[in-house]
């Protein structure tokens, strides 16, 4: 059995162990069952409210102000100035952040980094039922912009640091929290990227816990699976362009730049990228197969054994989510052409957005070559819209060091709920960490589509937020005292 199959088998066993363990039989270690003596939900709610109600949009807000408020809370809890690094890009004073550290007892141990972005997507008061920047609690939900994405995890991480300090917890491995700006792409400086470029020692970590995975509730609001994100696709835009001399539209010739570009895009759409599974997506489909009924579940079981099975590919490709998990995708998202209504076009361009499966080497170049081959027209030039990122994220290992603490805490909180590895089809700030393992993990459950993240009336279930707080508080403790 080769190394890859060993990893796949070990990962699948890890997933199934959580779903099949009986009640709390193997989950009775003192580290996970000791009573929590400082579980002050009122204090957490007040911290969460303050973070929510500090506007951090690109147009009107200030991440720097939010970071300063969180630093003040940590200082009040006993953190020294040396433990708190407030930063802001010199030419963007409102795009700052905070790095806070709880020191460990082992000077040689790298920190665990808890990463959360504190910027939020724009929200107009006239469009919302409630003020998007005033925390509201109604019918079992918290409503506000950022209630879920990503101020929930930011508040949990700061709250956990406060609780660890007040109970005099000294971890073996340092615990570091980074609150950053600019993840939502609204024009703010990306704090995670800025730290890597200017203060890399602050984000040098054994591994990173980040947003990107939660848990699923069924229609009866019962947990049915817990996710851990291990890896994400690589974001890359390409510019496709056709140029021509143009001319008067009353005398069209056999060539037209717009038509040539359109034909090339149609050929690209007709040539999907091949199916490629990695350790995480194999484990994802293995676990999901047991949860999906009928034809879909059978296709998942088949694809794990034979990734090139045409019938299974056809069934799974019909779902945008499953299709994106199976392969690299490239799709046109913008198109421009022509310069006058009565003139033949001199130029036509399209942006093709690719979400590329992670892999060894410069995978973006291989995708560019594949686009050129599919378009099959030398008059259509294909160029990267931005330079290829060389330090791209890889698929991190789901080792016992990562999985066992999750199994212990999740097994006691949600007995019988399976742990399902997943790969993000989008992108988070994990893209800046290169070979440092980054895992999406929150323990925050939701029904599909109910959070309205990035949309109107964003919300999170009150119980889910408090459960995620309890889960991460305990899991991070186990990580910090582990190997």
Protein backbone atom coordinates (compact mmCIF):
# COMPACT_ATOMS: atom_id res chain seq x y z
CA UNK A 1 0.00 0.00 0.00
CA UNK A 2 1.52 3.37 -1.04
CA UNK A 3 1.81 6.46 1.17
CA UNK A 4 -1.17 8.21 -0.38
CA UNK A 5 -3.47 5.27 0.27
CA UNK A 6 -2.19 5.06 3.86
CA UNK A 7 -3.14 8.72 4.39
CA UNK A 8 -6.55 8.28 2.80
CA UNK A 9 -7.29 5.20 4.88
CA UNK A 10 -6.11 6.87 8.09
CA UNK A 11 -8.20 9.95 7.39
CA UNK A 12 -11.30 7.94 6.58
CA UNK A 13 -10.88 5.92 9.77
CA UNK A 14 -10.51 9.15 11.75
CA UNK A 15 -13.77 10.47 10.31
CA UNK A 16 -15.70 7.29 10.90
CA UNK A 17 -14.36 6.91 14.45
CA UNK A 18 -16.03 10.11 15.54
CA UNK A 19 -19.33 9.15 14.00
CA UNK A 20 -19.38 5.67 15.50
CA UNK A 21 -17.94 6.19 18.97
CA UNK A 22 -20.36 5.35 21.70
CA UNK A 23 -21.64 8.28 23.78
CA UNK A 24 -18.62 9.48 25.79
CA UNK A 25 -16.73 6.24 26.44
CA UNK A 26 -13.41 7.43 25.01
CA UNK A 27 -14.07 11.08 25.79
CA UNK A 28 -13.73 11.12 29.54
CA UNK A 29 -10.25 12.60 29.89
CA UNK A 30 -9.99 15.34 32.53
CA UNK A 31 -8.94 17.84 29.87
CA UNK A 32 -12.35 17.71 28.21
CA UNK A 33 -14.70 17.04 31.12
CA UNK A 34 -13.32 19.38 33.77
CA UNK A 35 -15.96 22.01 34.61
CA UNK A 36 -15.47 25.43 33.09
CA UNK A 37 -15.40 27.93 35.93
CA UNK A 38 -15.33 31.20 33.98
CA UNK A 39 -18.11 30.70 31.43
CA UNK A 40 -19.48 34.26 31.59
CA UNK A 41 -21.83 34.47 28.64
CA UNK A 42 -22.80 38.01 29.55
CA UNK A 43 -19.22 39.21 29.22
CA UNK A 44 -18.84 37.38 25.92
CA UNK A 45 -22.07 38.86 24.56
CA UNK A 46 -20.88 42.36 25.48
CA UNK A 47 -17.54 41.79 23.71
CA UNK A 48 -19.33 40.39 20.67
CA UNK A 49 -21.73 43.37 20.65
CA UNK A 50 -18.87 45.88 20.82
CA UNK A 51 -17.08 44.23 17.92
CA UNK A 52 -20.28 44.02 15.85
CA UNK A 53 -21.23 47.64 16.52
CA UNK A 54 -17.83 48.97 15.50
CA UNK A 55 -18.28 49.59 11.79
CA UNK A 56 -15.43 47.97 9.83
CA UNK A 57 -16.69 48.37 6.26
CA UNK A 58 -14.30 49.74 3.65
CA UNK A 59 -16.48 52.77 2.94
CA UNK A 60 -17.13 54.10 6.44
CA UNK A 61 -15.51 51.87 9.03
CA UNK A 62 -12.22 51.34 10.81
CA UNK A 63 -10.65 47.97 11.51
CA UNK A 64 -8.03 49.85 13.54
CA UNK A 65 -10.69 51.09 15.95
CA UNK A 66 -12.11 47.59 16.37
CA UNK A 67 -8.63 46.16 16.99
CA UNK A 68 -7.90 48.84 19.59
CA UNK A 69 -11.11 48.02 21.45
CA UNK A 70 -10.19 44.34 21.58
CA UNK A 71 -6.69 45.22 22.80
CA UNK A 72 -8.21 47.29 25.61
CA UNK A 73 -10.28 44.33 26.73
CA UNK A 74 -7.22 42.08 26.74
CA UNK A 75 -5.21 44.63 28.75
CA UNK A 76 -8.04 44.82 31.28
CA UNK A 77 -7.83 41.01 31.58
CA UNK A 78 -4.13 41.23 32.47
CA UNK A 79 -2.23 41.10 29.17
CA UNK A 80 0.91 43.24 29.11
CA UNK A 81 1.82 45.66 26.34
CA UNK A 82 4.47 43.23 25.08
CA UNK A 83 1.74 40.65 24.50
CA UNK A 84 -0.32 42.99 22.28
CA UNK A 85 0.86 44.24 18.89
CA UNK A 86 -1.42 46.78 17.25
CA UNK A 87 -0.45 47.41 13.64
CA UNK A 88 -1.67 49.42 10.68
CA UNK A 89 -0.23 49.99 7.20
CA UNK A 90 1.33 53.48 7.22
CA UNK A 91 -0.69 54.72 4.24
CA UNK A 92 -3.96 53.08 5.37
CA UNK A 93 -4.38 54.01 9.05
CA UNK A 94 -7.91 52.59 9.28
CA UNK A 95 -6.93 49.14 7.99
CA UNK A 96 -5.10 47.97 11.10
CA UNK A 97 -5.31 44.89 13.25
CA UNK A 98 -4.10 43.18 16.38
CA UNK A 99 -1.83 40.26 17.22
CA UNK A 100 -2.19 39.06 20.83
CA UNK A 101 -0.21 36.28 22.46
CA UNK A 102 -0.66 34.06 25.51
CA UNK A 103 2.87 32.86 26.23
CA UNK A 104 3.63 29.15 26.51
CA UNK A 105 5.90 27.25 28.86
CA UNK A 106 7.97 25.68 26.07
CA UNK A 107 10.24 28.34 24.57
CA UNK A 108 11.01 26.10 21.60
CA UNK A 109 7.38 25.48 20.64
CA UNK A 110 5.85 27.42 17.77
CA UNK A 111 2.51 29.13 18.50
CA UNK A 112 -0.91 28.05 17.43
CA UNK A 113 -2.35 30.94 15.41
CA UNK A 114 -6.06 31.74 15.65
CA UNK A 115 -6.89 33.87 12.61
CA UNK A 116 -10.03 35.95 12.12
CA UNK A 117 -10.77 38.93 9.91
CA UNK A 118 -12.67 41.86 11.39
CA UNK A 119 -13.62 43.71 8.20
CA UNK A 120 -17.14 43.14 6.89
CA UNK A 121 -19.04 43.47 3.63
CA UNK A 122 -20.92 46.71 3.01
CA UNK A 123 -24.48 46.97 4.39
CA UNK A 124 -27.03 49.73 3.68
CA UNK A 125 -29.47 50.59 6.46
CA UNK A 126 -32.27 51.26 3.98
CA UNK A 127 -32.05 47.70 2.66
CA UNK A 128 -32.07 45.94 6.03
CA UNK A 129 -35.01 45.28 8.34
CA UNK A 130 -32.78 46.29 11.27
CA UNK A 131 -29.75 48.53 11.67
CA UNK A 132 -26.94 46.30 10.36
CA UNK A 133 -24.49 47.77 12.89
CA UNK A 134 -26.62 47.31 15.99
CA UNK A 135 -26.69 43.79 17.44
CA UNK A 136 -30.25 42.49 17.63
CA UNK A 137 -31.41 39.25 19.25
CA UNK A 138 -34.73 37.92 17.99
CA UNK A 139 -36.33 34.49 17.74
CA UNK A 140 -33.16 32.63 18.64
CA UNK A 141 -30.86 34.57 16.28
CA UNK A 142 -28.32 37.35 16.50
CA UNK A 143 -28.74 39.76 13.57
CA UNK A 144 -26.06 42.18 12.31
CA UNK A 145 -23.48 42.60 9.58
CA UNK A 146 -20.60 40.37 10.62
CA UNK A 147 -22.74 38.39 13.05
CA UNK A 148 -21.42 35.25 11.37
CA UNK A 149 -18.71 36.38 8.91
CA UNK A 150 -16.31 36.72 10.65
CA UNK A 151 -16.84 38.60 13.89
CA UNK A 152 -18.29 35.47 15.52
CA UNK A 153 -14.91 33.72 15.46
CA UNK A 154 -13.00 36.95 16.16
CA UNK A 155 -15.06 37.48 19.31
CA UNK A 156 -14.67 33.84 20.36
CA UNK A 157 -10.89 33.97 19.98
CA UNK A 158 -10.52 37.19 22.02
CA UNK A 159 -12.93 35.86 24.63
CA UNK A 160 -10.95 32.61 24.88
CA UNK A 161 -7.70 34.51 25.47
CA UNK A 162 -9.41 36.47 28.25
CA UNK A 163 -10.74 33.30 29.86
CA UNK A 164 -7.37 31.55 29.68
CA UNK A 165 -5.71 34.52 31.40
CA UNK A 166 -8.31 34.83 34.15
CA UNK A 167 -7.97 31.12 35.02
CA UNK A 168 -4.15 31.35 34.94
CA UNK A 169 -3.89 28.78 32.18
CA UNK A 170 -0.28 28.40 31.00
CA UNK A 171 -0.19 26.39 27.77
CA UNK A 172 2.79 24.39 26.63
CA UNK A 173 2.60 26.00 23.20
CA UNK A 174 1.89 29.76 22.83
CA UNK A 175 -1.60 30.73 21.68
CA UNK A 176 -1.68 33.69 19.33
CA UNK A 177 -4.71 35.55 17.95
CA UNK A 178 -4.47 37.66 14.78
CA UNK A 179 -7.35 40.00 13.98
CA UNK A 180 -6.88 41.35 10.46
CA UNK A 181 -8.55 43.60 7.92
CA UNK A 182 -9.17 43.38 4.20
CA UNK A 183 -10.24 39.77 3.73
CA UNK A 184 -13.54 40.72 2.09
CA UNK A 185 -11.80 42.48 -0.79
CA UNK A 186 -13.46 45.86 -0.40
CA UNK A 187 -10.27 47.79 -1.10
CA UNK A 188 -8.78 47.68 2.38
CA UNK A 189 -5.21 46.46 2.87
CA UNK A 190 -5.23 42.75 3.59
CA UNK A 191 -3.82 42.39 7.10
CA UNK A 192 -2.79 38.76 6.76
CA UNK A 193 -0.76 39.54 3.65
CA UNK A 194 0.68 42.70 5.22
CA UNK A 195 1.86 40.77 8.27
CA UNK A 196 3.57 38.17 6.10
CA UNK A 197 5.35 40.90 4.16
CA UNK A 198 6.24 43.18 7.08
CA UNK A 199 6.05 41.24 10.37
CA UNK A 200 6.37 37.56 9.41
CA UNK A 201 7.49 36.57 12.92
CA UNK A 202 4.00 37.43 14.18
CA UNK A 203 2.32 34.86 11.93
CA UNK A 204 4.95 32.12 12.09
CA UNK A 205 2.98 29.21 13.54
CA UNK A 206 2.86 25.45 13.90
CA UNK A 207 -0.60 25.59 12.33
CA UNK A 208 -3.50 28.00 11.92
CA UNK A 209 -7.16 27.78 12.90
CA UNK A 210 -9.26 29.91 10.57
CA UNK A 211 -12.80 30.42 9.30
CA UNK A 212 -14.15 28.27 6.50
CA UNK A 213 -16.00 25.36 8.09
CA UNK A 214 -18.92 24.95 10.45
CA UNK A 215 -21.53 22.30 10.91
CA UNK A 216 -24.83 21.36 9.26
CA UNK A 217 -28.23 21.26 10.96
CA UNK A 218 -31.18 19.41 9.50
CA UNK A 219 -34.66 20.91 9.14
CA UNK A 220 -35.37 19.92 12.75
CA UNK A 221 -32.32 21.92 13.86
CA UNK A 222 -30.39 18.80 14.84
CA UNK A 223 -26.64 18.55 14.06
CA UNK A 224 -25.92 16.09 11.26
CA UNK A 225 -22.24 16.75 10.48
CA UNK A 226 -19.28 18.78 11.68
CA UNK A 227 -16.81 20.07 9.10
CA UNK A 228 -13.08 20.64 9.17
CA UNK A 229 -11.67 22.48 6.19
CA UNK A 230 -8.29 21.22 5.09
CA UNK A 231 -7.16 23.04 1.98
CA UNK A 232 -8.77 25.36 -0.49
CA UNK A 233 -8.61 26.14 -4.14
CA UNK A 234 -6.19 28.63 -5.66
CA UNK A 235 -7.75 31.83 -7.00
CA UNK A 236 -6.50 33.04 -10.38
CA UNK A 237 -8.00 35.36 -13.01
CA UNK A 238 -7.00 35.19 -16.67
CA UNK A 239 -7.58 37.82 -19.36
CA UNK A 240 -8.65 36.54 -22.77
CA UNK A 241 -8.33 39.12 -25.53
CA UNK A 242 -8.93 39.41 -29.27
CA UNK A 243 -7.84 42.45 -31.31
CA UNK A 244 -8.61 43.48 -34.89
CA UNK A 245 -8.36 46.51 -37.16
CA UNK A 246 -12.11 47.01 -37.02
CA UNK A 247 -13.90 49.05 -39.63
CA UNK A 248 -17.36 50.24 -40.62
CA UNK A 249 -20.17 47.97 -39.45
CA UNK A 250 -21.94 48.34 -42.80
CA UNK A 251 -19.25 46.20 -44.42
CA UNK A 252 -18.54 43.28 -42.06
CA UNK A 253 -15.86 40.80 -43.03
CA UNK A 254 -15.42 37.14 -42.16
CA UNK A 255 -13.66 37.92 -38.84
CA UNK A 256 -15.17 39.64 -35.81
CA UNK A 257 -13.29 40.05 -32.53
CA UNK A 258 -16.39 39.65 -30.38
CA UNK A 259 -17.52 36.54 -32.22
CA UNK A 260 -14.04 35.02 -32.05
CA UNK A 261 -13.87 35.62 -28.32
CA UNK A 262 -17.34 34.16 -27.81
CA UNK A 263 -16.50 31.07 -29.83
CA UNK A 264 -13.34 30.55 -27.78
CA UNK A 265 -15.27 30.85 -24.53
CA UNK A 266 -17.79 28.31 -25.78
CA UNK A 267 -15.00 25.85 -26.57
CA UNK A 268 -13.58 26.42 -23.08
CA UNK A 269 -16.98 25.67 -21.53
CA UNK A 270 -17.21 22.46 -23.56
CA UNK A 271 -13.86 21.19 -22.22
CA UNK A 272 -14.19 20.81 -18.44
CA UNK A 273 -11.08 20.09 -16.44
CA UNK A 274 -10.55 16.44 -15.50
CA UNK A 275 -11.62 15.02 -12.17
CA UNK A 276 -8.81 14.91 -9.62
CA UNK A 277 -9.27 13.80 -6.03
CA UNK A 278 -6.87 14.46 -3.17
CA UNK A 279 -6.79 13.04 0.36
CA UNK A 280 -9.34 15.54 1.66
CA UNK A 281 -11.85 15.29 -1.17
CA UNK A 282 -11.68 11.50 -1.07
CA UNK A 283 -12.47 11.59 2.64
CA UNK A 284 -15.19 14.19 2.00
CA UNK A 285 -17.01 12.03 -0.55
CA UNK A 286 -16.48 8.91 1.61
CA UNK A 287 -18.17 10.58 4.58
CA UNK A 288 -20.89 12.29 2.52
CA UNK A 289 -21.80 9.03 0.76
CA UNK A 290 -23.22 7.71 4.03
CA UNK A 291 -25.34 10.85 4.44
CA UNK A 292 -26.71 11.24 0.90
CA UNK A 293 -29.60 9.09 -0.33
CA UNK A 294 -29.95 7.17 -3.55
CA UNK A 295 -28.10 7.98 -6.74
CA UNK A 296 -25.96 10.78 -5.29
CA UNK A 297 -24.67 8.69 -2.39
CA UNK A 298 -23.89 5.80 -4.71
CA UNK A 299 -22.03 8.12 -7.09
CA UNK A 300 -19.92 9.38 -4.19
CA UNK A 301 -19.00 5.85 -3.17
CA UNK A 302 -18.09 5.03 -6.75
CA UNK A 303 -16.01 8.15 -7.38
CA UNK A 304 -13.76 7.37 -4.40
CA UNK A 305 -12.94 3.95 -5.85
CA UNK A 306 -12.81 5.06 -9.50
CA UNK A 307 -12.44 8.83 -10.00
CA UNK A 308 -12.89 8.42 -13.76
CA UNK A 309 -16.22 6.58 -13.63
CA UNK A 310 -18.32 8.46 -16.24
CA UNK A 311 -21.71 7.78 -14.64
CA UNK A 312 -20.58 8.95 -11.20
CA UNK A 313 -18.93 12.04 -12.71
CA UNK A 314 -22.14 12.89 -14.54
CA UNK A 315 -24.29 12.63 -11.41
CA UNK A 316 -21.96 14.65 -9.18
CA UNK A 317 -21.14 17.27 -11.80
CA UNK A 318 -24.82 18.24 -11.87
CA UNK A 319 -24.31 19.84 -8.44
CA UNK A 320 -22.30 23.08 -8.55
CA UNK A 321 -20.78 22.28 -5.14
CA UNK A 322 -19.79 18.69 -5.93
CA UNK A 323 -18.55 19.68 -9.38
CA UNK A 324 -16.30 22.30 -7.80
CA UNK A 325 -14.97 19.71 -5.34
CA UNK A 326 -14.12 17.35 -8.20
CA UNK A 327 -12.10 19.56 -10.51
CA UNK A 328 -10.53 22.89 -11.32
CA UNK A 329 -13.15 25.29 -12.67
CA UNK A 330 -12.71 28.27 -15.01
CA UNK A 331 -15.67 30.47 -15.89
CA UNK A 332 -16.07 33.85 -17.63
CA UNK A 333 -17.22 36.53 -15.18
CA UNK A 334 -16.80 39.78 -17.17
CA UNK A 335 -16.76 40.64 -20.85
CA UNK A 336 -16.10 43.87 -22.75
CA UNK A 337 -15.95 44.59 -26.45
CA UNK A 338 -16.35 47.18 -29.15
CA UNK A 339 -16.05 50.95 -29.11
CA UNK A 340 -19.03 52.21 -31.12
CA UNK A 341 -22.46 50.99 -32.16
CA UNK A 342 -21.67 51.49 -35.84
CA UNK A 343 -18.11 50.13 -35.87
CA UNK A 344 -16.62 46.67 -36.08
CA UNK A 345 -14.94 45.83 -32.76
CA UNK A 346 -11.21 46.49 -32.50
CA UNK A 347 -10.94 44.73 -29.17
CA UNK A 348 -12.87 42.17 -27.10
CA UNK A 349 -11.78 40.96 -23.67
CA UNK A 350 -13.10 38.59 -21.06
CA UNK A 351 -12.12 37.83 -17.50
CA UNK A 352 -12.03 34.12 -16.80
CA UNK A 353 -12.03 33.30 -13.11
CA UNK A 354 -10.37 30.01 -12.18
CA UNK A 355 -10.53 28.13 -8.89
CA UNK A 356 -7.66 25.70 -9.15
CA UNK A 357 -7.17 22.46 -7.28
CA UNK A 358 -4.06 22.69 -5.09
CA UNK A 359 -1.06 20.71 -6.24
CA UNK A 360 2.69 20.62 -6.57
CA UNK A 361 4.54 23.12 -8.71
CA UNK A 362 3.09 26.10 -10.55
CA UNK A 363 -0.40 24.74 -11.13
CA UNK A 364 -1.58 28.12 -12.48
CA UNK A 365 0.72 27.77 -15.50
CA UNK A 366 -0.71 24.35 -16.25
CA UNK A 367 -4.21 25.81 -16.12
CA UNK A 368 -3.22 28.64 -18.47
CA UNK A 369 -1.85 26.07 -20.91
CA UNK A 370 -5.11 24.11 -20.67
CA UNK A 371 -7.17 27.23 -21.41
CA UNK A 372 -5.06 27.97 -24.49
CA UNK A 373 -5.56 24.41 -25.70
CA UNK A 374 -9.32 24.47 -25.10
CA UNK A 375 -9.85 27.88 -26.75
CA UNK A 376 -7.85 26.60 -29.74
CA UNK A 377 -7.48 29.93 -31.52
CA UNK A 378 -4.14 31.75 -31.80
CA UNK A 379 -6.00 35.06 -32.19
CA UNK A 380 -7.31 34.71 -28.63
CA UNK A 381 -4.50 35.61 -26.26
CA UNK A 382 -4.57 34.20 -22.73
CA UNK A 383 -2.65 36.02 -20.01
CA UNK A 384 -2.79 35.96 -16.21
CA UNK A 385 -4.63 39.04 -14.91
CA UNK A 386 -2.29 39.09 -11.90
CA UNK A 387 1.07 37.47 -11.34
CA UNK A 388 0.97 33.86 -10.23
CA UNK A 389 1.26 33.48 -6.47
CA UNK A 390 4.21 31.16 -5.87
CA UNK A 391 3.73 30.47 -2.15
CA UNK A 392 0.32 28.85 -2.58
CA UNK A 393 -1.47 26.88 0.09
CA UNK A 394 -1.24 23.10 -0.01
CA UNK A 395 -3.56 20.39 1.32
CA UNK A 396 -2.57 20.13 5.00
CA UNK A 397 -2.45 16.75 6.75
CA UNK A 398 -5.33 15.70 8.97
CA UNK A 399 -3.06 14.01 11.47
CA UNK A 400 -3.89 12.70 14.93
CA UNK A 401 -2.49 15.96 16.33
CA UNK A 402 -5.30 17.82 14.55
CA UNK A 403 -8.15 15.31 14.57
CA UNK A 404 -7.93 13.79 18.07
CA UNK A 405 -8.76 16.98 20.04
CA UNK A 406 -11.72 17.59 17.74
CA UNK A 407 -12.93 14.02 18.27
CA UNK A 408 -12.65 14.41 22.04
CA UNK A 409 -14.54 17.70 22.36
CA UNK A 410 -17.03 17.22 19.53
CA UNK A 411 -17.76 13.67 20.65
CA UNK A 412 -18.75 14.93 24.07
CA UNK A 413 -20.80 17.88 22.76
CA UNK A 414 -22.43 16.23 19.75
CA UNK A 415 -22.24 12.42 20.19
CA UNK A 416 -22.59 10.46 16.98
CA UNK A 417 -22.20 13.45 14.66
CA UNK A 418 -19.60 12.66 11.96
CA UNK A 419 -16.55 14.82 11.34
CA UNK A 420 -16.38 15.53 7.60
CA UNK A 421 -13.23 16.94 5.98
CA UNK A 422 -13.88 19.50 3.27
CA UNK A 423 -11.94 21.61 0.81
CA UNK A 424 -13.07 25.18 0.27
CA UNK A 425 -14.05 25.93 -3.31
CA UNK A 426 -13.48 29.62 -2.58
CA UNK A 427 -10.63 31.35 -0.80
CA UNK A 428 -9.87 32.85 2.61
CA UNK A 429 -6.76 34.44 4.11
CA UNK A 430 -5.27 30.94 4.21
CA UNK A 431 -3.85 31.75 0.78
CA UNK A 432 -1.09 33.80 2.41
CA UNK A 433 0.30 31.01 4.59
CA UNK A 434 1.98 28.85 1.97
CA UNK A 435 3.11 25.54 3.47
CA UNK A 436 1.97 26.38 7.02
CA UNK A 437 -1.06 24.14 7.65
CA UNK A 438 -4.32 26.09 7.86
CA UNK A 439 -7.55 24.47 9.03
CA UNK A 440 -11.05 25.89 8.92
CA UNK A 441 -12.79 24.96 12.17
CA UNK A 442 -15.53 26.71 14.12
CA UNK A 443 -18.05 24.29 15.61
CA UNK A 444 -20.76 26.79 14.60
CA UNK A 445 -23.76 24.96 13.17
CA UNK A 446 -26.37 26.30 10.75
CA UNK A 447 -29.03 25.11 8.39
CA UNK A 448 -27.99 25.46 4.73
CA UNK A 449 -28.23 29.08 3.61
CA UNK A 450 -29.70 30.46 6.82
CA UNK A 451 -26.86 32.81 7.85
CA UNK A 452 -27.26 35.18 4.86
CA UNK A 453 -23.54 35.94 5.03
CA UNK A 454 -22.68 38.86 2.69
CA UNK A 455 -26.42 39.36 2.21
CA UNK A 456 -29.35 41.13 3.83
CA UNK A 457 -30.12 40.52 7.49
CA UNK A 458 -27.06 38.40 8.21
CA UNK A 459 -27.66 36.21 11.24
CA UNK A 460 -26.40 33.39 13.41
CA UNK A 461 -28.25 31.13 15.79
CA UNK A 462 -27.64 32.21 19.38
CA UNK A 463 -27.21 28.60 20.51
CA UNK A 464 -24.80 27.89 17.64
CA UNK A 465 -22.63 30.85 18.56
CA UNK A 466 -22.43 29.82 22.21
CA UNK A 467 -21.76 26.20 21.24
CA UNK A 468 -18.98 27.28 18.88
CA UNK A 469 -17.50 29.34 21.70
CA UNK A 470 -17.48 26.35 24.06
CA UNK A 471 -16.07 24.05 21.37
CA UNK A 472 -13.18 26.27 20.28
CA UNK A 473 -12.27 27.20 23.86
CA UNK A 474 -11.76 23.52 24.69
CA UNK A 475 -10.18 22.40 21.42
CA UNK A 476 -7.58 25.18 21.45
CA UNK A 477 -6.64 24.22 25.03
CA UNK A 478 -5.98 20.66 23.93
CA UNK A 479 -3.98 21.85 20.92
CA UNK A 480 -1.89 24.15 23.08
CA UNK A 481 -0.95 21.33 25.49
CA UNK A 482 -0.43 18.71 22.79
CA UNK A 483 2.68 17.63 20.95
